[in-house]
Amino acid sequence: MAAGEQTILFLNRRGNSRALVCVNCGHAPECPRCSARLTYHSANGRLMCHYCGFSRPAPSRCPDCGGPLKRIGTGTQKVQEELSALLPETAIDRMDADTVSAVNTHEKILTHFSQDRVPVLLGTQMVAKGLNLPGVTLVGVLDGDLSLYGGGYRAAETTFNMLTQVVGRAGRGDAPGEAILQTMQPEHPVIALAAKQDYDGFYELEIQLRQRLGYPPFGDLAVITFTGQEEDRVLRGAQKLRDSLVACLSRAPYRDRHCGILGPAPCPVPKINYHFRYRLTLRCRMDRDLRALLASMLRQFGRDGENRGVTAFVDVNGFD
């Protein structure tokens, strides 16, 4: 800042705090529509669900026992508040889903940051990729391992990609750049390789792991998701399709295929907007015959009257 240069701070979580938790009884307000805790947003003093959009005013005391509520976790709003307290004379631009709108667009925020030489740009994934800002010489990554254990076989790839992209925003002009990664796992190979921008090293690490586990590109993961407003009906439908699939795979021409079936099990977020969600996971090589079998079974599932109100769909090698 003293040199007139600019900084990008990256945190892949919007809002102020991940949740409000009672210090006495441990109660944390949850969304009535989803199986997820509500995120506290200090800008409007409300609790919001990032899945369905539900929001309500944040209570001043615990609704269960009347105890005090503590903010847990950190989001971009909280970082902006702390920066403003530490550097009260410093202008700070924030770019996340709460600040970007049809009026306040990405382009408007970036133009203001670049042309007005705003010292700090704070944001989520929106500031990580594709930005060419010559004035930026420092990038700071907060909670750099946040996505490392987020689930899904692409977690390491996503984390490495995100970190290397945001680190690359520093030093794109004439002045050299520097990046600082904050992490609870500084010795983790993915974090260490991302810090060194070692793409070849990460490839060798990841490809060996995927080969051992039979993950893409050495195999396929097909996830069949079932959703509906009646949990019992959703679970029964998933179990019925699983039993039919097991029976089909035990007969020709599928019996020689190595195909493992897991589930049905609740999705990582079991309920979204009053809809319960279960899934089957198939680990196999998804060839033409198997694709045709799944398509046929899904059509039969939709025609079965017992599955009324339940939707089923398949995603092959998805990101969840």
Protein backbone atom coordinates (compact mmCIF):
# COMPACT_ATOMS: atom_id res chain seq x y z
CA MET A 1 0.00 0.00 0.00
CA ALA A 2 2.83 2.41 0.83
CA ALA A 3 4.24 1.78 -2.65
CA GLY A 4 0.89 2.51 -4.27
CA GLU A 5 0.40 -1.12 -5.27
CA GLN A 6 -2.73 -3.25 -4.94
CA THR A 7 -3.76 -6.45 -3.16
CA ILE A 8 -6.28 -9.21 -3.83
CA LEU A 9 -7.60 -11.19 -0.86
CA PHE A 10 -9.38 -14.44 -1.64
CA LEU A 11 -11.78 -16.33 0.64
CA ASN A 12 -14.11 -18.90 -0.86
CA ARG A 13 -16.97 -18.25 1.55
CA ARG A 14 -19.37 -15.33 1.43
CA GLY A 15 -21.37 -13.90 4.32
CA ASN A 16 -20.14 -12.88 7.74
CA SER A 17 -20.08 -16.08 9.77
CA ARG A 18 -20.78 -19.69 8.86
CA ALA A 19 -23.30 -19.99 11.68
CA LEU A 20 -24.55 -18.59 14.97
CA VAL A 21 -24.14 -21.03 17.86
CA CYS A 22 -25.46 -20.73 21.41
CA VAL A 23 -22.59 -20.86 23.89
CA ASN A 24 -24.85 -22.49 26.51
CA CYS A 25 -26.79 -25.24 24.74
CA GLY A 26 -25.03 -25.44 21.37
CA HIS A 27 -28.15 -24.67 19.34
CA ALA A 28 -27.44 -23.34 15.82
CA PRO A 29 -30.31 -21.92 13.71
CA GLU A 30 -31.06 -24.10 10.68
CA CYS A 31 -33.01 -23.50 7.51
CA PRO A 32 -36.61 -24.79 7.83
CA ARG A 33 -36.53 -25.87 4.18
CA CYS A 34 -33.07 -27.44 4.03
CA SER A 35 -30.84 -29.57 6.23
CA ALA A 36 -28.24 -26.80 6.50
CA ARG A 37 -27.30 -24.18 9.03
CA LEU A 38 -28.14 -20.58 8.24
CA THR A 39 -25.27 -18.22 7.43
CA TYR A 40 -25.10 -14.90 9.24
CA HIS A 41 -24.89 -11.78 7.05
CA SER A 42 -23.92 -8.68 8.99
CA ALA A 43 -24.76 -6.24 6.17
CA ASN A 44 -28.47 -6.67 6.83
CA GLY A 45 -28.39 -8.48 10.19
CA ARG A 46 -30.07 -11.57 8.76
CA LEU A 47 -29.56 -15.31 8.66
CA MET A 48 -29.63 -16.70 5.11
CA CYS A 49 -29.66 -20.13 3.49
CA HIS A 50 -27.23 -20.37 0.59
CA TYR A 51 -29.17 -23.30 -0.91
CA CYS A 52 -32.78 -22.10 -1.16
CA GLY A 53 -32.50 -18.37 -0.38
CA PHE A 54 -34.56 -18.45 2.83
CA SER A 55 -33.74 -15.60 5.19
CA ARG A 56 -34.90 -14.19 8.51
CA PRO A 57 -33.67 -11.63 11.04
CA ALA A 58 -30.87 -12.89 13.24
CA PRO A 59 -32.04 -13.41 16.85
CA SER A 60 -30.29 -11.53 19.62
CA ARG A 61 -30.48 -14.53 21.99
CA CYS A 62 -30.81 -18.28 21.62
CA PRO A 63 -34.46 -19.15 20.83
CA ASP A 64 -34.14 -22.40 22.82
CA CYS A 65 -32.54 -21.36 26.11
CA GLY A 66 -32.08 -17.59 25.86
CA GLY A 67 -28.29 -17.85 25.99
CA PRO A 68 -25.86 -15.64 24.07
CA LEU A 69 -25.07 -16.47 20.44
CA LYS A 70 -21.52 -16.70 19.14
CA ARG A 71 -20.46 -16.25 15.53
CA ILE A 72 -18.59 -19.28 14.18
CA GLY A 73 -16.49 -19.23 11.04
CA THR A 74 -15.47 -16.42 8.70
CA GLY A 75 -16.89 -15.08 5.46
CA THR A 76 -16.01 -12.19 3.16
CA GLN A 77 -18.25 -9.75 5.05
CA LYS A 78 -16.44 -10.45 8.30
CA VAL A 79 -13.03 -10.07 6.64
CA GLN A 80 -14.11 -6.71 5.23
CA GLU A 81 -15.26 -5.56 8.68
CA GLU A 82 -11.95 -6.57 10.28
CA LEU A 83 -9.93 -4.93 7.50
CA SER A 84 -11.91 -1.71 7.92
CA ALA A 85 -11.22 -1.78 11.65
CA LEU A 86 -7.49 -2.40 11.13
CA LEU A 87 -7.13 0.05 8.21
CA PRO A 88 -9.88 2.64 8.69
CA GLU A 89 -8.50 5.01 6.03
CA THR A 90 -8.17 2.30 3.36
CA ALA A 91 -10.75 1.78 0.62
CA ILE A 92 -11.78 -1.85 0.14
CA ASP A 93 -13.78 -3.31 -2.76
CA ARG A 94 -15.63 -6.60 -2.25
CA MET A 95 -16.77 -8.89 -5.04
CA ASP A 96 -19.00 -11.84 -4.20
CA ALA A 97 -22.57 -13.01 -4.80
CA ASP A 98 -23.85 -10.46 -2.24
CA THR A 99 -22.26 -7.41 -3.89
CA VAL A 100 -22.56 -8.27 -7.59
CA SER A 101 -25.91 -7.39 -9.15
CA ALA A 102 -27.45 -6.24 -12.42
CA VAL A 103 -26.48 -2.67 -11.46
CA ASN A 104 -23.22 -3.32 -9.63
CA THR A 105 -21.71 -5.71 -12.20
CA HIS A 106 -18.36 -7.52 -12.23
CA GLU A 107 -17.10 -5.03 -14.79
CA LYS A 108 -18.12 -2.03 -12.70
CA ILE A 109 -16.37 -3.35 -9.58
CA LEU A 110 -13.19 -4.28 -11.47
CA THR A 111 -13.12 -0.96 -13.34
CA HIS A 112 -13.43 0.93 -10.06
CA PHE A 113 -10.70 -1.19 -8.47
CA SER A 114 -8.33 -0.76 -11.41
CA GLN A 115 -8.89 2.86 -12.47
CA ASP A 116 -9.28 4.33 -8.97
CA ARG A 117 -6.33 2.29 -7.66
CA VAL A 118 -8.32 0.88 -4.74
CA PRO A 119 -5.74 -0.75 -2.43
CA VAL A 120 -7.65 -3.99 -1.67
CA LEU A 121 -10.04 -6.21 -3.60
CA LEU A 122 -11.64 -8.91 -1.46
CA GLY A 123 -13.72 -11.67 -2.97
CA THR A 124 -14.67 -15.27 -3.57
CA GLN A 125 -14.01 -17.33 -6.73
CA MET A 126 -14.93 -14.29 -8.78
CA VAL A 127 -11.47 -12.80 -8.12
CA ALA A 128 -9.57 -16.04 -8.73
CA LYS A 129 -9.60 -16.51 -12.49
CA GLY A 130 -9.06 -14.58 -15.68
CA LEU A 131 -8.22 -11.18 -14.19
CA ASN A 132 -5.33 -9.19 -15.60
CA LEU A 133 -4.71 -6.39 -13.10
CA PRO A 134 -1.13 -5.08 -13.50
CA GLY A 135 -1.30 -3.06 -10.26
CA VAL A 136 -1.76 -6.18 -8.10
CA THR A 137 1.53 -7.28 -6.54
CA LEU A 138 0.21 -9.19 -3.52
CA VAL A 139 -2.36 -11.99 -3.26
CA GLY A 140 -3.54 -13.34 0.07
CA VAL A 141 -5.49 -16.58 0.32
CA LEU A 142 -7.55 -17.03 3.51
CA ASP A 143 -8.40 -20.58 4.62
CA GLY A 144 -6.69 -22.04 1.57
CA ASP A 145 -7.65 -25.61 2.48
CA LEU A 146 -11.36 -24.82 2.75
CA SER A 147 -12.29 -26.90 -0.31
CA LEU A 148 -9.73 -29.65 0.25
CA TYR A 149 -12.14 -31.81 2.25
CA GLY A 150 -15.34 -30.68 0.57
CA GLY A 151 -16.25 -34.13 -0.74
CA GLY A 152 -16.13 -35.54 -4.24
CA TYR A 153 -13.17 -37.10 -6.00
CA ARG A 154 -12.22 -33.75 -7.56
CA ALA A 155 -11.61 -31.98 -4.22
CA ALA A 156 -7.81 -31.99 -4.57
CA GLU A 157 -7.97 -30.94 -8.21
CA THR A 158 -10.42 -28.12 -7.41
CA THR A 159 -8.26 -26.85 -4.55
CA PHE A 160 -5.05 -26.96 -6.59
CA ASN A 161 -6.70 -25.27 -9.57
CA MET A 162 -8.25 -22.53 -7.44
CA LEU A 163 -5.05 -21.76 -5.54
CA THR A 164 -2.80 -21.67 -8.60
CA GLN A 165 -5.29 -19.46 -10.43
CA VAL A 166 -5.59 -16.87 -7.67
CA VAL A 167 -1.85 -16.89 -6.97
CA GLY A 168 -1.33 -16.10 -10.65
CA ARG A 169 -3.16 -12.76 -10.24
CA ALA A 170 -0.08 -11.24 -8.56
CA GLY A 171 2.82 -9.73 -10.49
CA ARG A 172 1.22 -9.57 -13.92
CA GLY A 173 2.60 -6.07 -14.49
CA ASP A 174 6.17 -4.76 -14.37
CA ALA A 175 6.54 -5.13 -10.59
CA PRO A 176 7.18 -8.61 -9.12
CA GLY A 177 4.37 -10.33 -7.27
CA GLU A 178 4.03 -12.27 -4.05
CA ALA A 179 1.38 -14.66 -2.75
CA ILE A 180 0.70 -15.75 0.83
CA LEU A 181 -1.44 -18.80 1.56
CA GLN A 182 -3.08 -19.20 4.96
CA THR A 183 -3.79 -22.85 5.75
CA MET A 184 -4.16 -25.28 8.64
CA GLN A 185 -2.37 -27.91 6.52
CA PRO A 186 0.89 -26.28 5.31
CA GLU A 187 2.54 -29.69 4.81
CA HIS A 188 -0.33 -31.14 2.76
CA PRO A 189 1.07 -32.12 -0.67
CA VAL A 190 -1.72 -30.38 -2.60
CA ILE A 191 -1.14 -27.10 -0.73
CA ALA A 192 2.64 -27.36 -1.06
CA LEU A 193 2.47 -28.12 -4.80
CA ALA A 194 0.01 -25.27 -5.39
CA ALA A 195 2.33 -22.85 -3.56
CA LYS A 196 5.16 -23.90 -5.87
CA GLN A 197 2.90 -23.83 -8.95
CA ASP A 198 4.10 -27.38 -9.64
CA TYR A 199 1.55 -28.64 -12.16
CA ASP A 200 3.56 -31.72 -13.15
CA GLY A 201 4.07 -32.72 -9.52
CA PHE A 202 0.36 -32.43 -8.78
CA TYR A 203 -0.51 -34.47 -11.87
CA GLU A 204 1.79 -37.31 -10.83
CA LEU A 205 0.33 -37.31 -7.30
CA GLU A 206 -3.29 -37.20 -8.39
CA ILE A 207 -3.08 -39.65 -11.29
CA GLN A 208 -1.58 -42.36 -9.07
CA LEU A 209 -4.34 -41.93 -6.49
CA ARG A 210 -7.08 -42.08 -9.10
CA GLN A 211 -5.59 -45.18 -10.70
CA ARG A 212 -5.52 -47.01 -7.38
CA LEU A 213 -9.14 -46.10 -6.62
CA GLY A 214 -10.47 -46.62 -10.14
CA TYR A 215 -11.58 -42.99 -10.44
CA PRO A 216 -11.72 -41.11 -13.78
CA PRO A 217 -9.99 -41.41 -16.18
CA PHE A 218 -9.43 -45.07 -15.17
CA GLY A 219 -13.09 -45.68 -14.39
CA ASP A 220 -16.38 -43.86 -14.11
CA LEU A 221 -18.54 -42.73 -11.22
CA ALA A 222 -22.23 -42.60 -11.96
CA VAL A 223 -24.45 -41.00 -9.31
CA ILE A 224 -28.21 -41.62 -9.47
CA THR A 225 -29.98 -38.97 -7.39
CA PHE A 226 -33.54 -39.32 -6.11
CA THR A 227 -35.52 -36.31 -4.91
CA GLY A 228 -39.02 -35.80 -3.54
CA GLN A 229 -40.99 -34.20 -0.73
CA GLU A 230 -41.79 -37.50 1.02
CA GLU A 231 -38.62 -39.02 2.44
CA ASP A 232 -40.01 -42.55 2.82
CA ARG A 233 -41.15 -42.62 -0.79
CA VAL A 234 -37.79 -41.30 -2.02
CA LEU A 235 -35.87 -43.94 -0.04
CA ARG A 236 -38.16 -46.76 -1.18
CA GLY A 237 -37.78 -45.70 -4.79
CA ALA A 238 -33.99 -45.65 -4.47
CA GLN A 239 -33.93 -49.09 -2.85
CA LYS A 240 -36.23 -50.53 -5.52
CA LEU A 241 -34.08 -49.25 -8.37
CA ARG A 242 -30.94 -50.50 -6.63
CA ASP A 243 -32.42 -54.01 -6.30
CA SER A 244 -33.42 -54.01 -9.97
CA LEU A 245 -29.97 -52.81 -10.98
CA VAL A 246 -28.23 -55.50 -8.90
CA ALA A 247 -30.44 -58.15 -10.50
CA CYS A 248 -29.67 -56.91 -14.04
CA LEU A 249 -25.92 -56.73 -13.41
CA SER A 250 -25.92 -60.39 -12.29
CA ARG A 251 -27.13 -61.51 -15.72
CA ALA A 252 -25.62 -61.45 -19.20
CA PRO A 253 -24.31 -59.33 -20.81
CA TYR A 254 -23.40 -57.40 -17.64
CA ARG A 255 -22.23 -60.13 -15.26
CA ASP A 256 -18.57 -59.91 -16.33
CA ARG A 257 -18.37 -56.21 -15.62
CA HIS A 258 -16.81 -55.03 -12.37
CA CYS A 259 -19.46 -52.65 -11.07
CA GLY A 260 -19.76 -51.66 -7.43
CA ILE A 261 -22.95 -50.09 -6.08
CA LEU A 262 -23.02 -47.94 -2.94
CA GLY A 263 -26.20 -46.78 -1.26
CA PRO A 264 -28.81 -45.60 -1.24
CA ALA A 265 -27.37 -42.97 1.08
CA PRO A 266 -28.34 -39.38 1.86
CA CYS A 267 -26.73 -36.73 -0.33
CA PRO A 268 -24.19 -34.40 1.35
CA VAL A 269 -27.08 -31.97 1.87
CA PRO A 270 -29.99 -34.40 2.46
CA LYS A 271 -32.79 -31.85 2.07
CA ILE A 272 -33.01 -28.73 -0.10
CA ASN A 273 -36.14 -26.58 -0.34
CA TYR A 274 -38.38 -29.25 1.25
CA HIS A 275 -37.07 -31.95 -1.14
CA PHE A 276 -35.29 -34.97 0.37
CA ARG A 277 -32.32 -36.30 -1.57
CA TYR A 278 -30.80 -39.79 -1.69
CA ARG A 279 -28.33 -41.26 -4.13
CA LEU A 280 -26.81 -44.44 -5.50
CA THR A 281 -23.17 -44.41 -6.55
CA LEU A 282 -21.92 -46.80 -9.25
CA ARG A 283 -18.19 -47.31 -9.74
CA CYS A 284 -17.61 -48.98 -13.08
CA ARG A 285 -16.66 -48.39 -16.71
CA MET A 286 -19.66 -46.66 -18.25
CA ASP A 287 -19.90 -48.18 -21.75
CA ARG A 288 -22.76 -47.99 -24.24
CA ASP A 289 -24.58 -51.06 -22.87
CA LEU A 290 -24.51 -49.79 -19.31
CA ARG A 291 -25.67 -46.34 -20.35
CA ALA A 292 -28.57 -47.90 -22.22
CA LEU A 293 -29.44 -50.01 -19.17
CA LEU A 294 -29.51 -46.99 -16.86
CA ALA A 295 -31.58 -44.98 -19.33
CA SER A 296 -34.11 -47.81 -19.62
CA MET A 297 -34.33 -48.25 -15.85
CA LEU A 298 -34.87 -44.53 -15.31
CA ARG A 299 -37.70 -44.54 -17.85
CA GLN A 300 -39.32 -47.48 -16.07
CA PHE A 301 -38.82 -45.70 -12.75
CA GLY A 302 -40.70 -42.66 -14.03
CA ARG A 303 -43.62 -44.80 -15.29
CA ASP A 304 -44.00 -46.70 -12.02
CA GLY A 305 -46.97 -45.30 -10.08
CA GLU A 306 -45.33 -46.19 -6.76
CA ASN A 307 -42.67 -43.58 -7.51
CA ARG A 308 -45.14 -40.74 -7.97
CA GLY A 309 -43.63 -37.50 -6.69
CA VAL A 310 -40.07 -38.86 -6.88
CA THR A 311 -37.60 -37.68 -9.52
CA ALA A 312 -34.51 -39.68 -10.47
CA PHE A 313 -31.60 -38.57 -12.64
CA VAL A 314 -28.07 -39.76 -13.30
CA ASP A 315 -24.84 -37.76 -13.42
CA VAL A 316 -21.68 -39.39 -14.73
CA ASN A 317 -18.34 -38.11 -13.37
CA GLY A 318 -19.99 -35.01 -11.92
CA PHE A 319 -18.46 -32.47 -9.56
CA ASP A 320 -20.45 -33.32 -6.40
